[in-house]
Amino acid sequence: MNVEEVREFALNLQASTEDFPFDEHTLVMRVGGKIFAILPLEKSGRINLKCDPERSVTLREEFDAITPGYHMNKKWWNTVEFERLPEALVKELIAHSHLLVSSSLPKKLKAELGIE
């Protein structure tokens, strides 16, 4: 996958939005105002994604293209070098991050966004 394919996939997830809150080189994907992906455009080929802590350990052991999240809480976030991984895995990890964040949203906000 390339950066535009990653961006497009993430934005097509339910109630996803994008913005540049940090600088013009760091694209942030949100659901319900909460970050689920950070895509540093100047470091092409990488994305930070939220992940279940137990699964993070397993993924990091299995794939050298998945490391603790750069500038993030290393327990919950991974840096994923998406160009070095199978497309299906990258999409699954993006969707997993989105699900983790969206499932933690308040019930009222979920209803407003149409998230079950």
C-alpha atoms as a PDB file:
ATOM      1  CA  MET A   1       0.000   0.000   0.000  1.00  0.00           C
ATOM      2  CA  ASN A   2       1.080   3.556  -0.545  1.00  0.00           C
ATOM      3  CA  VAL A   3       0.315   6.582   1.633  1.00  0.00           C
ATOM      4  CA  GLU A   4      -2.733   7.640  -0.385  1.00  0.00           C
ATOM      5  CA  GLU A   5      -4.234   4.134  -0.223  1.00  0.00           C
ATOM      6  CA  VAL A   6      -3.697   4.050   3.543  1.00  0.00           C
ATOM      7  CA  ARG A   7      -5.307   7.489   3.913  1.00  0.00           C
ATOM      8  CA  GLU A   8      -8.258   6.547   1.731  1.00  0.00           C
ATOM      9  CA  PHE A   9      -8.868   3.281   3.604  1.00  0.00           C
ATOM     10  CA  ALA A  10      -8.766   5.020   7.007  1.00  0.00           C
ATOM     11  CA  LEU A  11     -11.110   7.800   5.876  1.00  0.00           C
ATOM     12  CA  ASN A  12     -13.624   5.278   4.571  1.00  0.00           C
ATOM     13  CA  LEU A  13     -14.066   3.795   8.036  1.00  0.00           C
ATOM     14  CA  GLN A  14     -17.272   4.869   9.759  1.00  0.00           C
ATOM     15  CA  ALA A  15     -17.319   8.495  10.999  1.00  0.00           C
ATOM     16  CA  SER A  16     -13.604   9.046  10.240  1.00  0.00           C
ATOM     17  CA  THR A  17     -12.222  12.543   9.793  1.00  0.00           C
ATOM     18  CA  GLU A  18      -8.767  13.968   9.133  1.00  0.00           C
ATOM     19  CA  ASP A  19      -6.895  17.081  10.196  1.00  0.00           C
ATOM     20  CA  PHE A  20      -3.420  18.522  10.763  1.00  0.00           C
ATOM     21  CA  PRO A  21      -3.381  19.546  14.448  1.00  0.00           C
ATOM     22  CA  PHE A  22       0.397  19.352  14.942  1.00  0.00           C
ATOM     23  CA  ASP A  23       1.915  20.636  11.702  1.00  0.00           C
ATOM     24  CA  GLU A  24       1.368  20.494   7.950  1.00  0.00           C
ATOM     25  CA  HIS A  25       3.318  17.225   7.672  1.00  0.00           C
ATOM     26  CA  THR A  26       1.426  15.078  10.182  1.00  0.00           C
ATOM     27  CA  LEU A  27      -2.008  13.864   9.131  1.00  0.00           C
ATOM     28  CA  VAL A  28      -4.261  12.734  11.978  1.00  0.00           C
ATOM     29  CA  MET A  29      -7.268  10.450  11.544  1.00  0.00           C
ATOM     30  CA  ARG A  30     -10.009  10.660  14.143  1.00  0.00           C
ATOM     31  CA  VAL A  31     -13.303   9.066  15.058  1.00  0.00           C
ATOM     32  CA  GLY A  32     -15.546  11.037  17.383  1.00  0.00           C
ATOM     33  CA  GLY A  33     -12.750  13.554  17.855  1.00  0.00           C
ATOM     34  CA  LYS A  34     -10.328  10.902  19.180  1.00  0.00           C
ATOM     35  CA  ILE A  35      -7.170   9.936  17.323  1.00  0.00           C
ATOM     36  CA  PHE A  36      -6.943   6.432  15.885  1.00  0.00           C
ATOM     37  CA  ALA A  37      -4.123   6.957  13.356  1.00  0.00           C
ATOM     38  CA  ILE A  38      -1.223   9.342  12.818  1.00  0.00           C
ATOM     39  CA  LEU A  39       0.315   9.451   9.373  1.00  0.00           C
ATOM     40  CA  PRO A  40       3.577  11.434   9.221  1.00  0.00           C
ATOM     41  CA  LEU A  41       3.749  12.487   5.585  1.00  0.00           C
ATOM     42  CA  GLU A  42       7.462  13.372   5.715  1.00  0.00           C
ATOM     43  CA  LYS A  43       8.268   9.804   6.861  1.00  0.00           C
ATOM     44  CA  SER A  44       6.524   8.041   4.024  1.00  0.00           C
ATOM     45  CA  GLY A  45       5.611   4.440   4.613  1.00  0.00           C
ATOM     46  CA  ARG A  46       4.813   4.693   8.326  1.00  0.00           C
ATOM     47  CA  ILE A  47       1.672   5.086  10.383  1.00  0.00           C
ATOM     48  CA  ASN A  48       1.038   5.082  14.129  1.00  0.00           C
ATOM     49  CA  LEU A  49      -1.938   2.945  15.139  1.00  0.00           C
ATOM     50  CA  LYS A  50      -3.579   2.138  18.440  1.00  0.00           C
ATOM     51  CA  CYS A  51      -3.541  -1.553  19.318  1.00  0.00           C
ATOM     52  CA  ASP A  52      -4.595  -3.857  22.126  1.00  0.00           C
ATOM     53  CA  PRO A  53      -1.485  -4.121  24.389  1.00  0.00           C
ATOM     54  CA  GLU A  54      -1.325  -7.928  24.334  1.00  0.00           C
ATOM     55  CA  ARG A  55      -1.669  -8.026  20.583  1.00  0.00           C
ATOM     56  CA  SER A  56       1.000  -5.320  20.236  1.00  0.00           C
ATOM     57  CA  VAL A  57       3.561  -7.589  21.871  1.00  0.00           C
ATOM     58  CA  THR A  58       2.708 -10.467  19.534  1.00  0.00           C
ATOM     59  CA  LEU A  59       2.803  -8.281  16.419  1.00  0.00           C
ATOM     60  CA  ARG A  60       6.153  -6.744  17.370  1.00  0.00           C
ATOM     61  CA  GLU A  61       7.640 -10.199  17.872  1.00  0.00           C
ATOM     62  CA  GLU A  62       6.271 -11.489  14.569  1.00  0.00           C
ATOM     63  CA  PHE A  63       6.980  -8.502  12.286  1.00  0.00           C
ATOM     64  CA  ASP A  64      10.088  -6.331  12.340  1.00  0.00           C
ATOM     65  CA  ALA A  65       8.056  -3.685  10.446  1.00  0.00           C
ATOM     66  CA  ILE A  66       5.908  -3.173  13.584  1.00  0.00           C
ATOM     67  CA  THR A  67       7.606  -1.373  16.470  1.00  0.00           C
ATOM     68  CA  PRO A  68       6.531   0.516  19.604  1.00  0.00           C
ATOM     69  CA  GLY A  69       4.766   3.760  18.684  1.00  0.00           C
ATOM     70  CA  TYR A  70       7.147   6.603  17.897  1.00  0.00           C
ATOM     71  CA  HIS A  71       6.442   9.511  20.292  1.00  0.00           C
ATOM     72  CA  MET A  72       3.412   7.623  21.632  1.00  0.00           C
ATOM     73  CA  ASN A  73       2.409   5.520  24.626  1.00  0.00           C
ATOM     74  CA  LYS A  74       4.372   2.377  23.741  1.00  0.00           C
ATOM     75  CA  LYS A  75       1.850   0.147  25.515  1.00  0.00           C
ATOM     76  CA  TRP A  76      -1.058   1.180  23.294  1.00  0.00           C
ATOM     77  CA  TRP A  77       0.517   2.415  20.049  1.00  0.00           C
ATOM     78  CA  ASN A  78       2.567   0.817  17.270  1.00  0.00           C
ATOM     79  CA  THR A  79       4.472   2.339  14.401  1.00  0.00           C
ATOM     80  CA  VAL A  80       3.644   0.268  11.340  1.00  0.00           C
ATOM     81  CA  GLU A  81       5.827   0.370   8.227  1.00  0.00           C
ATOM     82  CA  PHE A  82       2.917  -0.338   5.911  1.00  0.00           C
ATOM     83  CA  GLU A  83       4.944  -0.638   2.703  1.00  0.00           C
ATOM     84  CA  ARG A  84       6.731  -3.678   4.164  1.00  0.00           C
ATOM     85  CA  LEU A  85       3.596  -5.572   5.231  1.00  0.00           C
ATOM     86  CA  PRO A  86       0.789  -7.363   3.395  1.00  0.00           C
ATOM     87  CA  GLU A  87      -2.066  -5.049   2.448  1.00  0.00           C
ATOM     88  CA  ALA A  88      -4.650  -7.206   4.246  1.00  0.00           C
ATOM     89  CA  LEU A  89      -2.712  -6.953   7.523  1.00  0.00           C
ATOM     90  CA  VAL A  90      -2.314  -3.180   7.228  1.00  0.00           C
ATOM     91  CA  LYS A  91      -6.030  -2.734   6.610  1.00  0.00           C
ATOM     92  CA  GLU A  92      -6.875  -5.020   9.516  1.00  0.00           C
ATOM     93  CA  LEU A  93      -4.580  -3.042  11.854  1.00  0.00           C
ATOM     94  CA  ILE A  94      -6.117   0.278  10.780  1.00  0.00           C
ATOM     95  CA  ALA A  95      -9.623  -1.124  11.301  1.00  0.00           C
ATOM     96  CA  HIS A  96      -8.576  -2.541  14.696  1.00  0.00           C
ATOM     97  CA  SER A  97      -7.298   0.863  15.789  1.00  0.00           C
ATOM     98  CA  HIS A  98     -10.523   2.518  14.631  1.00  0.00           C
ATOM     99  CA  LEU A  99     -12.597  -0.069  16.510  1.00  0.00           C
ATOM    100  CA  LEU A 100     -10.601   0.349  19.740  1.00  0.00           C
ATOM    101  CA  VAL A 101     -11.119   4.097  19.699  1.00  0.00           C
ATOM    102  CA  SER A 102     -14.731   4.112  18.510  1.00  0.00           C
ATOM    103  CA  SER A 103     -15.771   1.501  21.073  1.00  0.00           C
ATOM    104  CA  SER A 104     -14.482   3.754  23.865  1.00  0.00           C
ATOM    105  CA  LEU A 105     -16.666   6.704  22.807  1.00  0.00           C
ATOM    106  CA  PRO A 106     -19.639   7.695  24.989  1.00  0.00           C
ATOM    107  CA  LYS A 107     -22.962   6.072  24.036  1.00  0.00           C
ATOM    108  CA  LYS A 108     -24.533   9.388  23.102  1.00  0.00           C
ATOM    109  CA  LEU A 109     -21.684  10.288  20.734  1.00  0.00           C
ATOM    110  CA  LYS A 110     -21.766   6.823  19.165  1.00  0.00           C
ATOM    111  CA  ALA A 111     -25.479   7.271  18.494  1.00  0.00           C
ATOM    112  CA  GLU A 112     -24.882  10.718  16.934  1.00  0.00           C
ATOM    113  CA  LEU A 113     -22.173   9.260  14.679  1.00  0.00           C
ATOM    114  CA  GLY A 114     -24.205   6.161  13.823  1.00  0.00           C
ATOM    115  CA  ILE A 115     -21.657   3.835  15.417  1.00  0.00           C
ATOM    116  CA  GLU A 116     -23.008   0.662  17.013  1.00  0.00           C
END
